[in-house]
Amino acid sequence: MKAARFHGPGDIRVEDVPEPATRPGTVKVEVEWCGICGTDLHEYLEGPIFAPPADAPHPITGETVPITLGHEFAGVVAEVGDGVDDVRVGDRVVVEPYIICGRCDACRNGRYNVCSTLGFVGLSGYGGGFSQFVVAERRWIHPLGELGTDVGALVEPLAVAYHAVRLSGARPSHSALVFGAGPIGLVTTSALRAAGVDQIIVVEPADVRKKKAEPAGADHIIDPRDGDVTEQVLELTGGRGADVSFECAGIDAVLKSAILSTRAGGTCVNVAIWGHEASVAMNDLVFREVNLLGSLAYANDHPATIEMIASGKVDPYQFITGRIDLDDIVAHGFEELISNKEENVKILVRP
């Protein structure tokens, strides 16, 4: 079968690889759509980062680069292994793309998203969504019901947002502040709207992205070039600051603004994956007892995320800005997202 394989910085090749075999307790999924994630872009530009380098195999998969990319994918069940009797061939499903040990303290306490040897299908081995077939354990297979597999490919990024909003404790009476209207900022905005949050403020300087924030659910959009962000947030929130804020950019100045714009006793959630050590003014937290919380991916959030989409609380189609075939993944996928990142949210690949 064909697969898009990451060999190193700027080097993704569509190659022929063996089709994976179904094992007991697993499900073979024929991938119909897979989204290109910002993590995939970082691998392409700067990797290997999450991908295991040649001299450091992943502790669970034992694999190193080259590896097949793609972790935001959905498709139809092509085959089930022995012992699997609750999904059927032809079912539309999304795969929660985890590779975990199941034995560490985090796994035993249900926080498998921070497993001590965490890996991801499509980043750490075991194939990936930029290929025709993927085999995964039954526990990671989530039925989509009547939802299409194109929408299914949006479940993974929306689950990231759902998880962050859930951890924040955001409630309908709250005000929420989202820094960044890139892909993660936009899905976080939509998840907040789905949760019924009363007031949602998005901070974004790029004109193209600002236009996407309102359809995603923003009530107010602040351009940081227009003045002090914290002052504008205080004005919009009656001097209190936001009950919850979300840092989706991974920039020191943005994190500082997020903390300062959160009300006393409120919660600031860091959703971004940082490319450098963050600089944090701890007194900004201490003097106002702001809670700074990290949020990584998702854990037990896929079913609720699927229901959020199926109930119509989120329109996933607004995030799909392109559909391409696997052979075009570099020129019309990765390079398009790098060159025109402000115009694009999610490009879907058809293996």
Protein backbone atom coordinates (compact mmCIF):
# COMPACT_ATOMS: atom_id res chain seq x y z
CA MET A 1 0.00 0.00 0.00
CA LYS A 2 1.07 3.63 -0.43
CA ALA A 3 2.12 5.65 2.61
CA ALA A 4 3.56 9.12 3.22
CA ARG A 5 6.77 8.51 5.20
CA PHE A 6 8.83 11.06 7.12
CA HIS A 7 12.57 10.56 6.59
CA GLY A 8 13.92 13.82 7.96
CA PRO A 9 13.56 17.63 7.73
CA GLY A 10 11.87 18.55 4.46
CA ASP A 11 11.81 14.91 3.38
CA ILE A 12 8.43 13.20 3.11
CA ARG A 13 8.11 10.49 0.48
CA VAL A 14 5.09 8.57 -0.78
CA GLU A 15 6.35 4.99 -0.79
CA ASP A 16 5.07 1.43 -1.03
CA VAL A 17 4.97 -0.33 2.36
CA PRO A 18 3.53 -3.67 3.48
CA GLU A 19 -0.15 -3.69 4.44
CA PRO A 20 -0.48 -4.27 8.21
CA ALA A 21 -1.97 -7.56 9.43
CA THR A 22 -4.85 -7.77 11.88
CA ARG A 23 -4.00 -9.37 15.23
CA PRO A 24 -6.29 -10.69 17.99
CA GLY A 25 -8.06 -7.82 19.70
CA THR A 26 -7.38 -5.35 16.90
CA VAL A 27 -9.30 -3.68 14.10
CA LYS A 28 -8.06 -2.89 10.62
CA VAL A 29 -9.30 0.48 9.40
CA GLU A 30 -9.28 1.57 5.78
CA VAL A 31 -8.44 5.25 6.07
CA GLU A 32 -10.66 7.60 4.07
CA TRP A 33 -9.50 10.99 5.40
CA CYS A 34 -6.55 12.19 7.48
CA GLY A 35 -5.88 15.77 8.54
CA ILE A 36 -2.47 17.43 8.46
CA CYS A 37 -1.70 18.61 12.00
CA GLY A 38 0.59 21.40 13.17
CA THR A 39 2.67 18.68 14.83
CA ASP A 40 3.17 17.09 11.41
CA LEU A 41 4.36 20.45 10.09
CA HIS A 42 6.89 20.77 12.92
CA GLU A 43 8.22 17.30 12.10
CA TYR A 44 8.54 18.25 8.44
CA LEU A 45 10.32 21.53 9.18
CA GLU A 46 12.43 20.70 12.22
CA GLY A 47 12.12 16.99 13.04
CA PRO A 48 12.51 14.44 14.21
CA ILE A 49 10.81 15.84 17.32
CA PHE A 50 8.07 13.41 18.34
CA ALA A 51 9.23 10.97 15.68
CA PRO A 52 11.91 8.66 17.10
CA PRO A 53 15.35 9.39 15.57
CA ALA A 54 17.54 6.65 14.15
CA ASP A 55 19.60 6.34 17.34
CA ALA A 56 16.64 6.34 19.79
CA PRO A 57 13.86 3.85 18.95
CA HIS A 58 10.52 4.45 20.61
CA PRO A 59 10.43 2.32 23.79
CA ILE A 60 7.12 0.66 22.88
CA THR A 61 7.12 0.43 19.09
CA GLY A 62 10.87 -0.05 18.70
CA GLU A 63 10.61 1.98 15.50
CA THR A 64 12.66 4.89 14.21
CA VAL A 65 12.43 7.18 11.22
CA PRO A 66 11.35 6.73 8.51
CA ILE A 67 7.83 6.45 9.89
CA THR A 68 4.38 6.91 8.35
CA LEU A 69 2.79 10.17 9.46
CA GLY A 70 -0.85 11.02 10.17
CA HIS A 71 -2.74 10.86 13.48
CA GLU A 72 -5.99 12.74 12.69
CA PHE A 73 -7.76 10.06 10.70
CA ALA A 74 -11.03 8.22 10.22
CA GLY A 75 -12.23 5.49 7.91
CA VAL A 76 -14.24 2.30 7.67
CA VAL A 77 -13.63 -1.04 9.36
CA ALA A 78 -12.03 -3.38 6.83
CA GLU A 79 -11.40 -6.38 9.08
CA VAL A 80 -11.67 -7.35 12.76
CA GLY A 81 -9.28 -9.57 14.69
CA ASP A 82 -10.19 -12.51 16.89
CA GLY A 83 -12.04 -11.49 20.02
CA VAL A 84 -13.57 -8.33 18.53
CA ASP A 85 -17.34 -8.67 18.22
CA ASP A 86 -18.74 -5.18 18.83
CA VAL A 87 -17.71 -3.46 15.60
CA ARG A 88 -18.47 -4.65 12.09
CA VAL A 89 -16.86 -4.45 8.70
CA GLY A 90 -18.12 -1.28 7.03
CA ASP A 91 -18.62 0.71 10.24
CA ARG A 92 -17.38 4.30 10.08
CA VAL A 93 -14.88 4.89 12.88
CA VAL A 94 -12.23 7.26 14.16
CA VAL A 95 -9.03 6.02 15.78
CA GLU A 96 -7.75 7.53 19.03
CA PRO A 97 -4.09 7.34 18.02
CA TYR A 98 -2.39 6.43 21.29
CA ILE A 99 0.51 4.13 22.02
CA ILE A 100 0.83 3.64 25.80
CA CYS A 101 2.42 1.27 28.27
CA GLY A 102 -0.70 0.72 30.42
CA ARG A 103 1.51 0.13 33.49
CA CYS A 104 2.86 3.50 34.68
CA ASP A 105 1.18 5.57 37.40
CA ALA A 106 -0.46 7.89 34.86
CA CYS A 107 -1.95 4.99 32.90
CA ARG A 108 -3.20 3.26 36.05
CA ASN A 109 -4.94 6.48 37.12
CA GLY A 110 -6.71 7.08 33.82
CA ARG A 111 -4.34 9.81 32.61
CA TYR A 112 -3.01 7.71 29.77
CA ASN A 113 -2.46 10.88 27.74
CA VAL A 114 0.59 11.56 29.89
CA CYS A 115 1.92 7.99 29.90
CA SER A 116 5.60 7.89 30.84
CA THR A 117 6.42 6.31 27.46
CA LEU A 118 3.65 7.99 25.47
CA GLY A 119 3.60 7.61 21.72
CA PHE A 120 1.19 8.31 18.89
CA VAL A 121 0.20 6.29 15.86
CA GLY A 122 1.44 8.41 12.98
CA LEU A 123 4.34 9.86 14.96
CA SER A 124 5.95 7.03 16.92
CA GLY A 125 5.29 4.02 14.71
CA TYR A 126 2.52 1.43 14.14
CA GLY A 127 1.73 3.05 10.81
CA GLY A 128 -0.22 6.25 10.34
CA GLY A 129 -3.24 7.84 8.73
CA PHE A 130 -1.39 8.89 5.59
CA SER A 131 -1.72 5.31 4.33
CA GLN A 132 -4.51 3.06 3.12
CA PHE A 133 -4.78 0.85 6.21
CA VAL A 134 -4.04 1.15 9.93
CA VAL A 135 -4.41 -1.59 12.54
CA ALA A 136 -5.24 -0.47 16.09
CA GLU A 137 -6.35 -2.06 19.34
CA ARG A 138 -10.12 -2.20 19.78
CA ARG A 139 -10.02 0.18 22.77
CA TRP A 140 -8.89 2.99 20.46
CA ILE A 141 -11.69 2.50 17.91
CA HIS A 142 -14.64 4.91 18.26
CA PRO A 143 -17.79 4.49 16.13
CA LEU A 144 -18.91 7.60 14.26
CA GLY A 145 -22.52 6.55 13.83
CA GLU A 146 -24.06 8.59 11.04
CA LEU A 147 -21.19 11.07 10.82
CA GLY A 148 -19.04 11.01 7.69
CA THR A 149 -15.36 10.13 7.82
CA ASP A 150 -14.34 13.60 6.65
CA VAL A 151 -15.95 14.95 9.81
CA GLY A 152 -14.38 12.00 11.64
CA ALA A 153 -10.92 13.33 10.78
CA LEU A 154 -11.81 16.48 12.76
CA VAL A 155 -12.65 14.53 15.93
CA GLU A 156 -9.00 14.34 17.04
CA PRO A 157 -8.28 18.11 17.02
CA LEU A 158 -11.71 18.84 18.46
CA ALA A 159 -11.00 16.32 21.23
CA VAL A 160 -7.87 18.34 22.08
CA ALA A 161 -10.09 21.39 22.52
CA TYR A 162 -12.83 19.50 24.36
CA HIS A 163 -10.23 18.16 26.82
CA ALA A 164 -8.75 21.62 27.46
CA VAL A 165 -12.18 23.16 28.03
CA ARG A 166 -13.16 20.29 30.34
CA LEU A 167 -9.99 20.71 32.42
CA SER A 168 -10.56 24.46 32.67
CA GLY A 169 -13.86 24.05 34.47
CA ALA A 170 -15.52 26.53 32.11
CA ARG A 171 -19.25 26.95 32.78
CA PRO A 172 -22.08 28.75 30.95
CA SER A 173 -21.87 31.76 33.29
CA HIS A 174 -18.16 32.23 32.57
CA SER A 175 -16.19 34.49 30.29
CA ALA A 176 -13.41 32.82 28.30
CA LEU A 177 -10.37 34.21 26.52
CA VAL A 178 -8.56 32.41 23.69
CA PHE A 179 -5.15 33.57 22.49
CA GLY A 180 -4.66 32.62 18.85
CA ALA A 181 -7.08 31.85 16.03
CA GLY A 182 -4.99 29.19 14.38
CA PRO A 183 -6.36 25.64 14.15
CA ILE A 184 -6.18 24.86 17.88
CA GLY A 185 -7.45 28.28 18.92
CA LEU A 186 -10.42 27.99 16.58
CA VAL A 187 -11.45 24.52 17.74
CA THR A 188 -11.04 25.66 21.36
CA THR A 189 -13.35 28.58 20.61
CA SER A 190 -15.92 26.20 19.14
CA ALA A 191 -15.66 23.84 22.12
CA LEU A 192 -16.28 26.77 24.46
CA ARG A 193 -19.33 27.78 22.44
CA ALA A 194 -20.58 24.18 22.55
CA ALA A 195 -20.15 24.23 26.35
CA GLY A 196 -22.45 27.25 26.49
CA VAL A 197 -19.87 29.72 27.81
CA ASP A 198 -21.48 33.14 28.09
CA GLN A 199 -18.74 35.35 26.65
CA ILE A 200 -15.87 34.27 24.39
CA ILE A 201 -13.04 36.65 23.51
CA VAL A 202 -10.39 35.78 20.93
CA VAL A 203 -7.06 37.58 20.57
CA GLU A 204 -5.55 37.42 17.08
CA PRO A 205 -3.56 39.90 14.95
CA ALA A 206 -3.90 38.25 11.50
CA ASP A 207 -6.83 39.62 9.50
CA VAL A 208 -7.60 36.34 7.72
CA ARG A 209 -7.70 34.41 10.97
CA LYS A 210 -9.79 37.07 12.70
CA LYS A 211 -12.49 36.47 10.09
CA LYS A 212 -12.58 32.78 11.06
CA ALA A 213 -12.94 33.47 14.78
CA GLU A 214 -16.52 34.76 14.73
CA PRO A 215 -18.00 31.74 12.88
CA ALA A 216 -16.11 29.52 15.31
CA GLY A 217 -17.97 31.15 18.20
CA ALA A 218 -16.16 34.33 19.26
CA ASP A 219 -18.27 37.17 20.68
CA HIS A 220 -15.39 39.66 20.64
CA ILE A 221 -12.12 39.71 18.70
CA ILE A 222 -9.18 41.71 19.98
CA ASP A 223 -6.32 42.73 17.75
CA PRO A 224 -3.24 43.10 20.00
CA ARG A 225 -1.93 45.78 17.67
CA ASP A 226 -4.81 48.05 18.73
CA GLY A 227 -3.64 48.47 22.30
CA ASP A 228 -2.96 46.69 25.58
CA VAL A 229 -4.75 43.34 25.51
CA THR A 230 -5.28 43.10 29.27
CA GLU A 231 -6.90 46.54 29.39
CA GLN A 232 -9.26 45.58 26.56
CA VAL A 233 -10.18 42.30 28.27
CA LEU A 234 -10.85 44.09 31.57
CA GLU A 235 -13.11 46.54 29.76
CA LEU A 236 -15.08 43.70 28.12
CA THR A 237 -15.43 41.79 31.40
CA GLY A 238 -16.46 44.62 33.68
CA GLY A 239 -13.01 44.93 35.24
CA ARG A 240 -12.83 41.29 36.41
CA GLY A 241 -10.79 39.60 33.71
CA ALA A 242 -11.68 36.31 32.06
CA ASP A 243 -12.77 33.38 34.21
CA VAL A 244 -10.74 31.04 32.02
CA SER A 245 -8.09 31.71 29.41
CA PHE A 246 -6.35 29.50 26.85
CA GLU A 247 -2.81 29.98 25.53
CA CYS A 248 -2.75 28.43 22.06
CA ALA A 249 0.32 30.14 20.59
CA GLY A 250 3.39 29.06 22.59
CA ILE A 251 4.81 32.60 22.85
CA ASP A 252 6.20 34.14 26.05
CA ALA A 253 4.47 37.50 25.61
CA VAL A 254 1.16 35.77 24.88
CA LEU A 255 1.42 33.62 28.01
CA LYS A 256 2.09 36.74 30.09
CA SER A 257 -0.97 38.46 28.60
CA ALA A 258 -3.09 35.37 29.21
CA ILE A 259 -2.13 35.24 32.89
CA LEU A 260 -2.62 38.98 33.42
CA SER A 261 -6.00 38.89 31.66
CA THR A 262 -7.35 36.06 33.83
CA ARG A 263 -9.39 37.11 36.86
CA ALA A 264 -8.11 36.62 40.40
CA GLY A 265 -8.59 32.95 41.24
CA GLY A 266 -9.27 32.08 37.60
CA THR A 267 -7.62 29.46 35.43
CA CYS A 268 -5.18 29.87 32.54
CA VAL A 269 -4.83 26.73 30.42
CA ASN A 270 -1.74 26.19 28.29
CA VAL A 271 -2.76 24.20 25.21
CA ALA A 272 0.23 25.02 22.98
CA ILE A 273 3.22 22.74 22.55
CA TRP A 274 6.24 24.98 23.06
CA GLY A 275 9.34 24.99 20.93
CA HIS A 276 11.43 26.63 23.66
CA GLU A 277 11.57 26.98 27.44
CA ALA A 278 8.84 29.37 28.52
CA SER A 279 9.60 32.46 30.60
CA VAL A 280 6.93 32.97 33.28
CA ALA A 281 6.70 35.85 35.75
CA MET A 282 5.64 33.75 38.73
CA ASN A 283 4.45 36.74 40.74
CA ASP A 284 1.79 37.34 38.08
CA LEU A 285 0.38 34.01 39.23
CA VAL A 286 1.07 34.31 42.93
CA PHE A 287 -0.25 37.81 43.60
CA ARG A 288 -3.65 36.99 42.06
CA GLU A 289 -3.77 33.24 42.74
CA VAL A 290 -4.23 32.41 39.08
CA ASN A 291 -4.17 28.68 38.33
CA LEU A 292 -1.85 27.79 35.44
CA LEU A 293 -2.81 24.42 34.00
CA GLY A 294 -1.27 22.28 31.28
CA SER A 295 -3.49 20.36 28.87
CA LEU A 296 -2.15 17.62 26.62
CA ALA A 297 -4.21 16.00 23.84
CA TYR A 298 -7.18 14.06 25.31
CA ALA A 299 -8.11 11.17 27.57
CA ASN A 300 -11.53 9.49 27.46
CA ASP A 301 -12.80 12.50 25.47
CA HIS A 302 -13.53 11.00 22.04
CA PRO A 303 -17.09 9.77 22.71
CA ALA A 304 -18.16 13.14 24.12
CA THR A 305 -16.46 14.96 21.26
CA ILE A 306 -18.27 12.80 18.69
CA GLU A 307 -21.56 13.55 20.47
CA MET A 308 -20.73 17.28 20.49
CA ILE A 309 -20.41 17.16 16.70
CA ALA A 310 -23.40 14.85 16.11
CA SER A 311 -25.68 17.07 18.20
CA GLY A 312 -24.87 20.07 16.01
CA LYS A 313 -23.14 22.07 18.74
CA VAL A 314 -20.05 22.42 16.52
CA ASP A 315 -19.90 22.81 12.75
CA PRO A 316 -16.77 20.87 11.77
CA TYR A 317 -16.98 21.76 8.08
CA GLN A 318 -15.90 25.34 8.78
CA PHE A 319 -12.43 24.01 9.59
CA ILE A 320 -11.90 22.07 6.35
CA THR A 321 -10.05 24.35 3.95
CA GLY A 322 -8.71 21.77 1.51
CA ARG A 323 -9.01 18.17 0.32
CA ILE A 324 -6.16 16.49 -1.54
CA ASP A 325 -4.92 13.06 -2.62
CA LEU A 326 -1.95 11.34 -0.99
CA ASP A 327 0.31 11.89 -4.00
CA ASP A 328 -0.15 15.67 -3.53
CA ILE A 329 0.59 15.68 0.20
CA VAL A 330 3.86 17.60 0.02
CA ALA A 331 3.16 20.26 -2.62
CA HIS A 332 -0.53 20.87 -1.90
CA GLY A 333 -0.55 19.83 1.74
CA PHE A 334 2.56 20.57 3.77
CA GLU A 335 3.95 23.33 1.54
CA GLU A 336 0.51 24.92 1.18
CA LEU A 337 0.07 25.05 4.97
CA ILE A 338 3.55 26.49 5.44
CA SER A 339 3.18 29.12 2.70
CA ASN A 340 -0.43 30.07 3.41
CA LYS A 341 -0.89 29.19 7.06
CA GLU A 342 -3.21 32.09 7.78
CA GLU A 343 -5.65 31.11 5.02
CA ASN A 344 -5.81 27.44 5.99
CA VAL A 345 -7.15 25.60 9.00
CA LYS A 346 -7.29 21.90 8.12
CA ILE A 347 -6.30 20.20 4.88
CA LEU A 348 -7.62 16.65 4.61
CA VAL A 349 -5.71 13.95 2.74
CA ARG A 350 -7.38 11.04 0.98
CA PRO A 351 -5.01 8.03 1.05
